Amino acid sequence: MTTIPVAHDNVGETWDWPLQHSDGVVKVTNTVEKFEVGLDVQFFRPNEIEVKVSGSEILINCHHEVRNDDHGSVTREIHRAYKLPADVDVSTLKSHLSSRGVLNISAQKKK
């Protein structure tokens, strides 16, 4: 299993966690040139996100430790797996976390 480092725009910034927010927005693009996954993970800090490749799958694990507020406590965890197309060049896989909390994982296709 190979771990892919998550590059990001924010250093030390904490994202708020509004309980009413609708999360889980995913965009998958598979063209002749590239394969790309975009996932809304805005409630997680960069160090709470792990991206790995296992065989022909990308595994994304996000874990948010318990946080207390005036109303109680909250924790969040996301596990997603995406099957890589056979023509993806795994050595080109990269991940990047935008300042808006969108995790983008991309790879070039084999030539």
C-alpha atoms as a PDB file:
ATOM      1  CA  MET A   1       0.000   0.000   0.000  1.00  0.00           C
ATOM      2  CA  THR A   2       1.382   3.422  -0.982  1.00  0.00           C
ATOM      3  CA  THR A   3       0.570   6.648   0.854  1.00  0.00           C
ATOM      4  CA  ILE A   4       0.138   9.782  -1.258  1.00  0.00           C
ATOM      5  CA  PRO A   5       0.962  13.024   0.590  1.00  0.00           C
ATOM      6  CA  VAL A   6      -1.849  15.596   0.723  1.00  0.00           C
ATOM      7  CA  ALA A   7      -0.550  18.975  -0.441  1.00  0.00           C
ATOM      8  CA  HIS A   8      -2.605  21.919   0.804  1.00  0.00           C
ATOM      9  CA  ASP A   9      -2.950  25.688   0.672  1.00  0.00           C
ATOM     10  CA  ASN A  10      -3.604  26.268   4.396  1.00  0.00           C
ATOM     11  CA  VAL A  11      -1.103  25.932   7.182  1.00  0.00           C
ATOM     12  CA  GLY A  12      -2.601  25.751  10.666  1.00  0.00           C
ATOM     13  CA  GLU A  13      -6.020  26.983   9.590  1.00  0.00           C
ATOM     14  CA  THR A  14      -9.018  25.373  11.284  1.00  0.00           C
ATOM     15  CA  TRP A  15     -12.290  24.936   9.448  1.00  0.00           C
ATOM     16  CA  ASP A  16     -15.571  25.437  11.259  1.00  0.00           C
ATOM     17  CA  TRP A  17     -18.011  22.555  11.461  1.00  0.00           C
ATOM     18  CA  PRO A  18     -21.613  23.714  10.905  1.00  0.00           C
ATOM     19  CA  LEU A  19     -23.904  20.801  11.766  1.00  0.00           C
ATOM     20  CA  GLN A  20     -26.500  21.765   9.172  1.00  0.00           C
ATOM     21  CA  HIS A  21     -24.048  21.627   6.256  1.00  0.00           C
ATOM     22  CA  SER A  22     -24.724  19.115   3.495  1.00  0.00           C
ATOM     23  CA  ASP A  23     -21.439  17.336   2.836  1.00  0.00           C
ATOM     24  CA  GLY A  24     -20.268  14.541   0.597  1.00  0.00           C
ATOM     25  CA  VAL A  25     -19.999  16.398  -2.721  1.00  0.00           C
ATOM     26  CA  VAL A  26     -17.987  14.239  -5.101  1.00  0.00           C
ATOM     27  CA  LYS A  27     -16.894  14.868  -8.686  1.00  0.00           C
ATOM     28  CA  VAL A  28     -15.206  12.127 -10.710  1.00  0.00           C
ATOM     29  CA  THR A  29     -13.655  12.903 -14.111  1.00  0.00           C
ATOM     30  CA  ASN A  30     -12.261  10.197 -16.376  1.00  0.00           C
ATOM     31  CA  THR A  31     -10.982  11.444 -19.727  1.00  0.00           C
ATOM     32  CA  VAL A  32      -8.441  10.196 -22.262  1.00  0.00           C
ATOM     33  CA  GLU A  33      -5.772  12.396 -20.616  1.00  0.00           C
ATOM     34  CA  LYS A  34      -6.492  12.077 -16.883  1.00  0.00           C
ATOM     35  CA  PHE A  35      -8.465  10.599 -14.002  1.00  0.00           C
ATOM     36  CA  GLU A  36      -9.573  12.983 -11.257  1.00  0.00           C
ATOM     37  CA  VAL A  37     -11.645  12.826  -8.067  1.00  0.00           C
ATOM     38  CA  GLY A  38     -12.823  15.911  -6.167  1.00  0.00           C
ATOM     39  CA  LEU A  39     -14.245  15.396  -2.663  1.00  0.00           C
ATOM     40  CA  ASP A  40     -15.625  17.967  -0.226  1.00  0.00           C
ATOM     41  CA  VAL A  41     -13.682  17.420   3.008  1.00  0.00           C
ATOM     42  CA  GLN A  42     -13.913  20.963   4.371  1.00  0.00           C
ATOM     43  CA  PHE A  43     -14.558  19.799   7.936  1.00  0.00           C
ATOM     44  CA  PHE A  44     -11.171  18.117   8.173  1.00  0.00           C
ATOM     45  CA  ARG A  45      -7.712  19.553   8.737  1.00  0.00           C
ATOM     46  CA  PRO A  46      -4.938  18.421   6.371  1.00  0.00           C
ATOM     47  CA  ASN A  47      -3.427  16.188   9.070  1.00  0.00           C
ATOM     48  CA  GLU A  48      -6.803  14.421   9.494  1.00  0.00           C
ATOM     49  CA  ILE A  49      -6.849  13.273   5.835  1.00  0.00           C
ATOM     50  CA  GLU A  50      -5.096  10.175   4.539  1.00  0.00           C
ATOM     51  CA  VAL A  51      -4.894   9.135   0.877  1.00  0.00           C
ATOM     52  CA  LYS A  52      -3.505   5.715  -0.084  1.00  0.00           C
ATOM     53  CA  VAL A  53      -3.343   3.448  -3.092  1.00  0.00           C
ATOM     54  CA  SER A  54      -4.041  -0.240  -2.532  1.00  0.00           C
ATOM     55  CA  GLY A  55      -3.912  -2.374  -5.647  1.00  0.00           C
ATOM     56  CA  SER A  56      -6.249  -0.701  -8.133  1.00  0.00           C
ATOM     57  CA  GLU A  57      -8.072   1.498  -5.608  1.00  0.00           C
ATOM     58  CA  ILE A  58      -7.598   4.932  -4.085  1.00  0.00           C
ATOM     59  CA  LEU A  59      -8.508   4.854  -0.391  1.00  0.00           C
ATOM     60  CA  ILE A  60      -9.448   8.117   1.328  1.00  0.00           C
ATOM     61  CA  ASN A  61      -9.802   8.196   5.106  1.00  0.00           C
ATOM     62  CA  CYS A  62     -10.742  11.335   7.005  1.00  0.00           C
ATOM     63  CA  HIS A  63     -11.076  11.245  10.776  1.00  0.00           C
ATOM     64  CA  HIS A  64     -12.075  14.115  13.004  1.00  0.00           C
ATOM     65  CA  GLU A  65     -11.469  13.603  16.720  1.00  0.00           C
ATOM     66  CA  VAL A  66     -14.213  14.422  19.229  1.00  0.00           C
ATOM     67  CA  ARG A  67     -14.785  18.150  19.586  1.00  0.00           C
ATOM     68  CA  ASN A  68     -16.833  19.620  22.412  1.00  0.00           C
ATOM     69  CA  ASP A  69     -19.111  22.633  22.123  1.00  0.00           C
ATOM     70  CA  ASP A  70     -21.935  24.214  24.166  1.00  0.00           C
ATOM     71  CA  HIS A  71     -24.384  21.496  23.091  1.00  0.00           C
ATOM     72  CA  GLY A  72     -22.270  18.360  23.519  1.00  0.00           C
ATOM     73  CA  SER A  73     -19.654  16.770  21.338  1.00  0.00           C
ATOM     74  CA  VAL A  74     -19.228  15.878  17.708  1.00  0.00           C
ATOM     75  CA  THR A  75     -16.980  13.534  15.702  1.00  0.00           C
ATOM     76  CA  ARG A  76     -16.853  12.784  12.005  1.00  0.00           C
ATOM     77  CA  GLU A  77     -15.252  10.102   9.868  1.00  0.00           C
ATOM     78  CA  ILE A  78     -15.334   9.437   6.125  1.00  0.00           C
ATOM     79  CA  HIS A  79     -13.996   6.397   4.288  1.00  0.00           C
ATOM     80  CA  ARG A  80     -14.173   6.328   0.501  1.00  0.00           C
ATOM     81  CA  ALA A  81     -12.652   4.036  -2.090  1.00  0.00           C
ATOM     82  CA  TYR A  82     -12.442   4.672  -5.837  1.00  0.00           C
ATOM     83  CA  LYS A  83     -11.468   2.045  -8.400  1.00  0.00           C
ATOM     84  CA  LEU A  84      -8.724   3.300 -10.682  1.00  0.00           C
ATOM     85  CA  PRO A  85      -9.238   2.759 -14.409  1.00  0.00           C
ATOM     86  CA  ALA A  86      -6.763   0.254 -15.881  1.00  0.00           C
ATOM     87  CA  ASP A  87      -5.115   2.957 -18.036  1.00  0.00           C
ATOM     88  CA  VAL A  88      -4.130   5.224 -15.094  1.00  0.00           C
ATOM     89  CA  ASP A  89      -0.413   5.776 -14.511  1.00  0.00           C
ATOM     90  CA  VAL A  90      -0.339   5.224 -10.724  1.00  0.00           C
ATOM     91  CA  SER A  91       3.111   6.832 -10.461  1.00  0.00           C
ATOM     92  CA  THR A  92       1.545  10.204 -11.411  1.00  0.00           C
ATOM     93  CA  LEU A  93      -1.091  10.214  -8.637  1.00  0.00           C
ATOM     94  CA  LYS A  94      -1.191  13.479  -6.698  1.00  0.00           C
ATOM     95  CA  SER A  95      -3.537  14.913  -4.094  1.00  0.00           C
ATOM     96  CA  HIS A  96      -4.171  18.532  -3.188  1.00  0.00           C
ATOM     97  CA  LEU A  97      -6.438  20.139  -0.593  1.00  0.00           C
ATOM     98  CA  SER A  98      -7.753  23.555  -1.668  1.00  0.00           C
ATOM     99  CA  SER A  99      -8.350  26.477   0.697  1.00  0.00           C
ATOM    100  CA  ARG A 100     -12.096  25.772   0.324  1.00  0.00           C
ATOM    101  CA  GLY A 101     -11.696  22.214   1.603  1.00  0.00           C
ATOM    102  CA  VAL A 102     -11.926  20.291  -1.674  1.00  0.00           C
ATOM    103  CA  LEU A 103      -9.579  17.326  -1.895  1.00  0.00           C
ATOM    104  CA  ASN A 104      -8.521  16.793  -5.504  1.00  0.00           C
ATOM    105  CA  ILE A 105      -6.794  13.539  -6.457  1.00  0.00           C
ATOM    106  CA  SER A 106      -5.529  13.275 -10.013  1.00  0.00           C
ATOM    107  CA  ALA A 107      -3.422  11.035 -12.241  1.00  0.00           C
ATOM    108  CA  GLN A 108      -2.335  11.016 -15.855  1.00  0.00           C
ATOM    109  CA  LYS A 109      -3.264   8.186 -18.202  1.00  0.00           C
ATOM    110  CA  LYS A 110      -0.652   5.760 -19.534  1.00  0.00           C
ATOM    111  CA  LYS A 111       0.683   6.652 -22.957  1.00  0.00           C
END
